[in-house]
PDB file of N, CA and C in Angstrom:
ATOM      1  N   UNK A   1       0.760  -1.263  -0.012  1.00  0.00           N
ATOM      2  CA  UNK A   1       0.035   0.191   0.100  1.00  0.00           C
ATOM      3  C   UNK A   1       0.947   1.173   0.171  1.00  0.00           C
ATOM      4  N   UNK A   2       0.545   2.412  -0.901  1.00  0.00           N
ATOM      5  CA  UNK A   2       1.427   3.398  -1.156  1.00  0.00           C
ATOM      6  C   UNK A   2       0.722   4.470   0.274  1.00  0.00           C
ATOM      7  N   UNK A   3       1.272   5.293   0.548  1.00  0.00           N
ATOM      8  CA  UNK A   3       1.296   6.622   1.463  1.00  0.00           C
ATOM      9  C   UNK A   3      -0.273   7.051   0.997  1.00  0.00           C
ATOM     10  N   UNK A   4      -0.234   7.542  -0.565  1.00  0.00           N
ATOM     11  CA  UNK A   4      -1.658   8.013  -0.856  1.00  0.00           C
ATOM     12  C   UNK A   4      -2.525   7.394  -0.944  1.00  0.00           C
ATOM     13  N   UNK A   5      -2.436   6.277  -1.137  1.00  0.00           N
ATOM     14  CA  UNK A   5      -3.888   5.159  -0.853  1.00  0.00           C
ATOM     15  C   UNK A   5      -4.410   5.052   0.789  1.00  0.00           C
ATOM     16  N   UNK A   6      -3.396   5.087   1.757  1.00  0.00           N
ATOM     17  CA  UNK A   6      -3.558   5.020   3.097  1.00  0.00           C
ATOM     18  C   UNK A   6      -4.241   6.476   3.475  1.00  0.00           C
ATOM     19  N   UNK A   7      -3.746   7.606   2.886  1.00  0.00           N
ATOM     20  CA  UNK A   7      -4.390   8.759   3.299  1.00  0.00           C
ATOM     21  C   UNK A   7      -5.801   9.119   2.702  1.00  0.00           C
ATOM     22  N   UNK A   8      -5.910   8.436   1.211  1.00  0.00           N
ATOM     23  CA  UNK A   8      -7.545   8.523   1.225  1.00  0.00           C
ATOM     24  C   UNK A   8      -8.297   7.451   1.618  1.00  0.00           C
ATOM     25  N   UNK A   9      -7.830   6.222   2.122  1.00  0.00           N
ATOM     26  CA  UNK A   9      -8.918   5.283   2.905  1.00  0.00           C
ATOM     27  C   UNK A   9      -9.041   5.831   3.972  1.00  0.00           C
ATOM     28  N   UNK A  10      -8.362   6.722   4.676  1.00  0.00           N
ATOM     29  CA  UNK A  10      -8.495   7.573   6.114  1.00  0.00           C
ATOM     30  C   UNK A  10      -9.660   8.290   6.213  1.00  0.00           C
ATOM     31  N   UNK A  11      -9.398   8.974   5.031  1.00  0.00           N
ATOM     32  CA  UNK A  11     -10.017  10.156   4.521  1.00  0.00           C
ATOM     33  C   UNK A  11     -11.726   9.517   4.018  1.00  0.00           C
ATOM     34  N   UNK A  12     -11.801   8.708   3.344  1.00  0.00           N
ATOM     35  CA  UNK A  12     -13.084   7.573   3.102  1.00  0.00           C
ATOM     36  C   UNK A  12     -13.731   7.097   4.297  1.00  0.00           C
ATOM     37  N   UNK A  13     -12.980   6.470   5.048  1.00  0.00           N
ATOM     38  CA  UNK A  13     -13.419   5.903   6.202  1.00  0.00           C
ATOM     39  C   UNK A  13     -14.197   6.774   7.445  1.00  0.00           C
ATOM     40  N   UNK A  14     -13.152   8.366   6.992  1.00  0.00           N
ATOM     41  CA  UNK A  14     -13.618   9.182   8.667  1.00  0.00           C
ATOM     42  C   UNK A  14     -13.951  10.500   8.043  1.00  0.00           C
ATOM     43  N   UNK A  15     -13.788  10.486   7.179  1.00  0.00           N
ATOM     44  CA  UNK A  15     -14.257  12.365   6.584  1.00  0.00           C
ATOM     45  C   UNK A  15     -13.177  12.741   6.393  1.00  0.00           C
ATOM     46  N   UNK A  16     -12.809  13.056   5.354  1.00  0.00           N
ATOM     47  CA  UNK A  16     -11.841  14.508   5.008  1.00  0.00           C
ATOM     48  C   UNK A  16     -11.992  15.423   5.962  1.00  0.00           C
ATOM     49  N   UNK A  17     -12.699  15.835   6.759  1.00  0.00           N
ATOM     50  CA  UNK A  17     -12.792  16.865   7.594  1.00  0.00           C
ATOM     51  C   UNK A  17     -12.353  16.568   8.780  1.00  0.00           C
ATOM     52  N   UNK A  18     -12.560  15.334   9.181  1.00  0.00           N
ATOM     53  CA  UNK A  18     -11.717  14.890  10.484  1.00  0.00           C
ATOM     54  C   UNK A  18     -10.419  13.763  10.694  1.00  0.00           C
ATOM     55  N   UNK A  19     -10.257  13.167   9.327  1.00  0.00           N
ATOM     56  CA  UNK A  19      -9.115  12.560   9.243  1.00  0.00           C
ATOM     57  C   UNK A  19      -8.068  12.867   9.485  1.00  0.00           C
ATOM     58  N   UNK A  20      -7.583  13.747   8.942  1.00  0.00           N
ATOM     59  CA  UNK A  20      -6.280  14.648   9.494  1.00  0.00           C
ATOM     60  C   UNK A  20      -6.156  14.784  11.184  1.00  0.00           C
ATOM     61  N   UNK A  21      -6.808  15.291  11.694  1.00  0.00           N
ATOM     62  CA  UNK A  21      -7.185  15.565  13.142  1.00  0.00           C
ATOM     63  C   UNK A  21      -7.240  14.126  14.007  1.00  0.00           C
ATOM     64  N   UNK A  22      -7.859  13.527  13.829  1.00  0.00           N
ATOM     65  CA  UNK A  22      -7.925  11.825  14.381  1.00  0.00           C
ATOM     66  C   UNK A  22      -6.477  11.205  14.038  1.00  0.00           C
ATOM     67  N   UNK A  23      -5.914  11.519  12.744  1.00  0.00           N
ATOM     68  CA  UNK A  23      -4.081  10.928  12.255  1.00  0.00           C
ATOM     69  C   UNK A  23      -3.164  11.694  13.599  1.00  0.00           C
ATOM     70  N   UNK A  24      -3.532  12.826  13.945  1.00  0.00           N
ATOM     71  CA  UNK A  24      -3.063  13.722  14.914  1.00  0.00           C
ATOM     72  C   UNK A  24      -2.888  13.279  16.059  1.00  0.00           C
ATOM     73  N   UNK A  25      -3.950  12.956  16.941  1.00  0.00           N
ATOM     74  CA  UNK A  25      -4.583  12.856  17.713  1.00  0.00           C
ATOM     75  C   UNK A  25      -4.682  11.315  18.797  1.00  0.00           C
ATOM     76  N   UNK A  26      -5.308  10.368  17.529  1.00  0.00           N
ATOM     77  CA  UNK A  26      -5.487   9.451  18.203  1.00  0.00           C
ATOM     78  C   UNK A  26      -4.330   8.122  18.066  1.00  0.00           C
ATOM     79  N   UNK A  27      -4.236   7.543  19.550  1.00  0.00           N
ATOM     80  CA  UNK A  27      -3.106   6.987  19.758  1.00  0.00           C
ATOM     81  C   UNK A  27      -3.365   5.410  19.847  1.00  0.00           C
ATOM     82  N   UNK A  28      -2.751   4.712  19.179  1.00  0.00           N
ATOM     83  CA  UNK A  28      -3.124   3.514  18.852  1.00  0.00           C
ATOM     84  C   UNK A  28      -1.881   2.548  19.228  1.00  0.00           C
ATOM     85  N   UNK A  29      -2.241   1.755  20.414  1.00  0.00           N
ATOM     86  CA  UNK A  29      -1.376   1.500  21.451  1.00  0.00           C
ATOM     87  C   UNK A  29      -0.818   0.094  20.459  1.00  0.00           C
ATOM     88  N   UNK A  30      -1.652  -0.626  19.616  1.00  0.00           N
ATOM     89  CA  UNK A  30      -1.065  -1.703  18.483  1.00  0.00           C
ATOM     90  C   UNK A  30       0.178  -0.982  17.990  1.00  0.00           C
ATOM     91  N   UNK A  31       0.541   0.382  17.637  1.00  0.00           N
ATOM     92  CA  UNK A  31       1.719   0.829  16.584  1.00  0.00           C
ATOM     93  C   UNK A  31       2.715   1.565  17.819  1.00  0.00           C
ATOM     94  N   UNK A  32       2.635   0.715  19.051  1.00  0.00           N
ATOM     95  CA  UNK A  32       3.613   1.480  20.125  1.00  0.00           C
ATOM     96  C   UNK A  32       3.279   2.510  20.673  1.00  0.00           C
ATOM     97  N   UNK A  33       2.085   2.909  20.868  1.00  0.00           N
ATOM     98  CA  UNK A  33       1.480   3.745  21.512  1.00  0.00           C
ATOM     99  C   UNK A  33       1.725   5.296  20.655  1.00  0.00           C
ATOM    100  N   UNK A  34       2.247   4.870  19.189  1.00  0.00           N
ATOM    101  CA  UNK A  34       1.786   6.068  18.194  1.00  0.00           C
ATOM    102  C   UNK A  34       0.739   6.321  17.960  1.00  0.00           C
ATOM    103  N   UNK A  35       0.760   7.181  17.248  1.00  0.00           N
ATOM    104  CA  UNK A  35      -0.763   7.931  16.564  1.00  0.00           C
ATOM    105  C   UNK A  35      -0.679   7.435  15.564  1.00  0.00           C
ATOM    106  N   UNK A  36      -1.779   8.002  14.448  1.00  0.00           N
ATOM    107  CA  UNK A  36      -1.093   7.205  12.779  1.00  0.00           C
ATOM    108  C   UNK A  36      -0.141   7.994  12.238  1.00  0.00           C
ATOM    109  N   UNK A  37      -0.195   9.041  12.141  1.00  0.00           N
ATOM    110  CA  UNK A  37       0.800  10.243  11.580  1.00  0.00           C
ATOM    111  C   UNK A  37       2.040   9.776  12.369  1.00  0.00           C
ATOM    112  N   UNK A  38       2.479   9.706  13.512  1.00  0.00           N
ATOM    113  CA  UNK A  38       3.906   9.401  14.371  1.00  0.00           C
ATOM    114  C   UNK A  38       4.147   7.876  13.631  1.00  0.00           C
ATOM    115  N   UNK A  39       3.104   7.158  13.460  1.00  0.00           N
ATOM    116  CA  UNK A  39       3.497   5.658  12.962  1.00  0.00           C
ATOM    117  C   UNK A  39       4.141   5.471  10.999  1.00  0.00           C
ATOM    118  N   UNK A  40       3.467   6.690  10.682  1.00  0.00           N
ATOM    119  CA  UNK A  40       3.873   6.798   9.093  1.00  0.00           C
ATOM    120  C   UNK A  40       4.902   7.723   9.469  1.00  0.00           C
ATOM    121  N   UNK A  41       5.156   8.710   9.860  1.00  0.00           N
ATOM    122  CA  UNK A  41       6.435   9.508   9.978  1.00  0.00           C
ATOM    123  C   UNK A  41       8.366   8.136  10.520  1.00  0.00           C
ATOM    124  N   UNK A  42       7.395   7.687  11.312  1.00  0.00           N
ATOM    125  CA  UNK A  42       8.675   6.552  12.195  1.00  0.00           C
ATOM    126  C   UNK A  42       9.044   5.605  11.224  1.00  0.00           C
ATOM    127  N   UNK A  43       7.983   5.708   9.954  1.00  0.00           N
ATOM    128  CA  UNK A  43       8.461   4.392   9.015  1.00  0.00           C
ATOM    129  C   UNK A  43       7.924   3.284   8.815  1.00  0.00           C
ATOM    130  N   UNK A  44       6.851   3.104   9.855  1.00  0.00           N
ATOM    131  CA  UNK A  44       5.895   1.939   9.637  1.00  0.00           C
ATOM    132  C   UNK A  44       5.584   1.565   8.399  1.00  0.00           C
ATOM    133  N   UNK A  45       5.306   0.492   7.933  1.00  0.00           N
ATOM    134  CA  UNK A  45       4.522   0.446   6.359  1.00  0.00           C
ATOM    135  C   UNK A  45       3.278   0.707   6.690  1.00  0.00           C
ATOM    136  N   UNK A  46       2.625   2.082   5.693  1.00  0.00           N
ATOM    137  CA  UNK A  46       0.728   2.080   5.681  1.00  0.00           C
ATOM    138  C   UNK A  46       0.372   0.984   5.433  1.00  0.00           C
ATOM    139  N   UNK A  47       0.731  -0.463   5.404  1.00  0.00           N
ATOM    140  CA  UNK A  47      -0.498  -1.386   5.152  1.00  0.00           C
ATOM    141  C   UNK A  47      -0.448  -1.970   6.536  1.00  0.00           C
ATOM    142  N   UNK A  48       0.598  -1.998   7.262  1.00  0.00           N
ATOM    143  CA  UNK A  48       0.857  -2.258   8.841  1.00  0.00           C
ATOM    144  C   UNK A  48      -0.448  -1.129   9.352  1.00  0.00           C
ATOM    145  N   UNK A  49       0.104  -0.189   9.231  1.00  0.00           N
ATOM    146  CA  UNK A  49      -1.057   1.029  10.309  1.00  0.00           C
ATOM    147  C   UNK A  49      -2.489   0.749   9.397  1.00  0.00           C
ATOM    148  N   UNK A  50      -2.189   0.840   8.355  1.00  0.00           N
ATOM    149  CA  UNK A  50      -3.886   0.499   7.898  1.00  0.00           C
ATOM    150  C   UNK A  50      -4.621  -0.800   8.978  1.00  0.00           C
ATOM    151  N   UNK A  51      -3.940  -1.540   9.500  1.00  0.00           N
ATOM    152  CA  UNK A  51      -4.662  -2.519   9.440  1.00  0.00           C
ATOM    153  C   UNK A  51      -4.901  -2.470  11.034  1.00  0.00           C
ATOM    154  N   UNK A  52      -4.055  -1.570  11.688  1.00  0.00           N
ATOM    155  CA  UNK A  52      -4.368  -1.073  13.098  1.00  0.00           C
ATOM    156  C   UNK A  52      -5.832  -0.279  13.353  1.00  0.00           C
ATOM    157  N   UNK A  53      -5.754   0.679  12.405  1.00  0.00           N
ATOM    158  CA  UNK A  53      -6.344   1.694  12.023  1.00  0.00           C
ATOM    159  C   UNK A  53      -7.948   1.004  11.845  1.00  0.00           C
ATOM    160  N   UNK A  54      -7.996  -0.329  11.161  1.00  0.00           N
ATOM    161  CA  UNK A  54      -9.342  -0.984  10.795  1.00  0.00           C
ATOM    162  C   UNK A  54      -9.987  -1.511  11.896  1.00  0.00           C
ATOM    163  N   UNK A  55      -8.684  -1.981  12.857  1.00  0.00           N
ATOM    164  CA  UNK A  55      -9.086  -3.073  13.574  1.00  0.00           C
ATOM    165  C   UNK A  55      -9.459  -2.076  14.623  1.00  0.00           C
ATOM    166  N   UNK A  56      -8.813  -0.958  15.384  1.00  0.00           N
ATOM    167  CA  UNK A  56      -9.373  -0.122  16.100  1.00  0.00           C
ATOM    168  C   UNK A  56     -10.954   0.632  15.625  1.00  0.00           C
ATOM    169  N   UNK A  57     -10.857   1.107  14.762  1.00  0.00           N
ATOM    170  CA  UNK A  57     -11.933   1.868  14.224  1.00  0.00           C
ATOM    171  C   UNK A  57     -13.348   0.622  14.779  1.00  0.00           C
ATOM    172  N   UNK A  58     -13.005  -0.632  14.311  1.00  0.00           N
ATOM    173  CA  UNK A  58     -13.756  -1.477  13.937  1.00  0.00           C
ATOM    174  C   UNK A  58     -14.713  -1.093  12.481  1.00  0.00           C
ATOM    175  N   UNK A  59     -13.873  -1.276  11.559  1.00  0.00           N
ATOM    176  CA  UNK A  59     -14.478  -0.410  10.401  1.00  0.00           C
ATOM    177  C   UNK A  59     -15.033  -1.830   9.425  1.00  0.00           C
ATOM    178  N   UNK A  60     -16.023  -1.632   8.872  1.00  0.00           N
ATOM    179  CA  UNK A  60     -16.621  -2.652   7.808  1.00  0.00           C
ATOM    180  C   UNK A  60     -15.790  -3.566   7.069  1.00  0.00           C
ATOM    181  N   UNK A  61     -15.479  -4.840   6.677  1.00  0.00           N
ATOM    182  CA  UNK A  61     -14.959  -5.440   5.958  1.00  0.00           C
ATOM    183  C   UNK A  61     -14.619  -4.911   4.703  1.00  0.00           C
ATOM    184  N   UNK A  62     -15.137  -4.240   4.155  1.00  0.00           N
ATOM    185  CA  UNK A  62     -15.263  -3.366   2.852  1.00  0.00           C
ATOM    186  C   UNK A  62     -13.960  -2.269   2.856  1.00  0.00           C
ATOM    187  N   UNK A  63     -13.345  -2.064   3.850  1.00  0.00           N
ATOM    188  CA  UNK A  63     -12.342  -1.125   4.218  1.00  0.00           C
ATOM    189  C   UNK A  63     -11.214  -2.028   4.180  1.00  0.00           C
ATOM    190  N   UNK A  64     -11.180  -2.956   4.223  1.00  0.00           N
ATOM    191  CA  UNK A  64      -9.851  -3.909   5.179  1.00  0.00           C
ATOM    192  C   UNK A  64      -8.693  -3.778   3.388  1.00  0.00           C
TER     193      UNK A  64
END
C-alpha cells in the first residue's frame, strides 16, 4: 500500500474533515503507543498502520 492510498482510505473512512485531526491525536497501542501520523512518519509500513486503524475503528470488511 502506498502512502497516498493509506490517506485516501482514512479520508473515506472518517471523512476528509476529521481524518487529519484523528491521525494526529488518536493513539493506537498496537502501533507502539503512536498516533497514525507518528507511525507513518517513523517509517512503519502504511499497510500495517492501516490494519491497526481498521481494527481499532472496527471498520466494515469493505475497508480492509
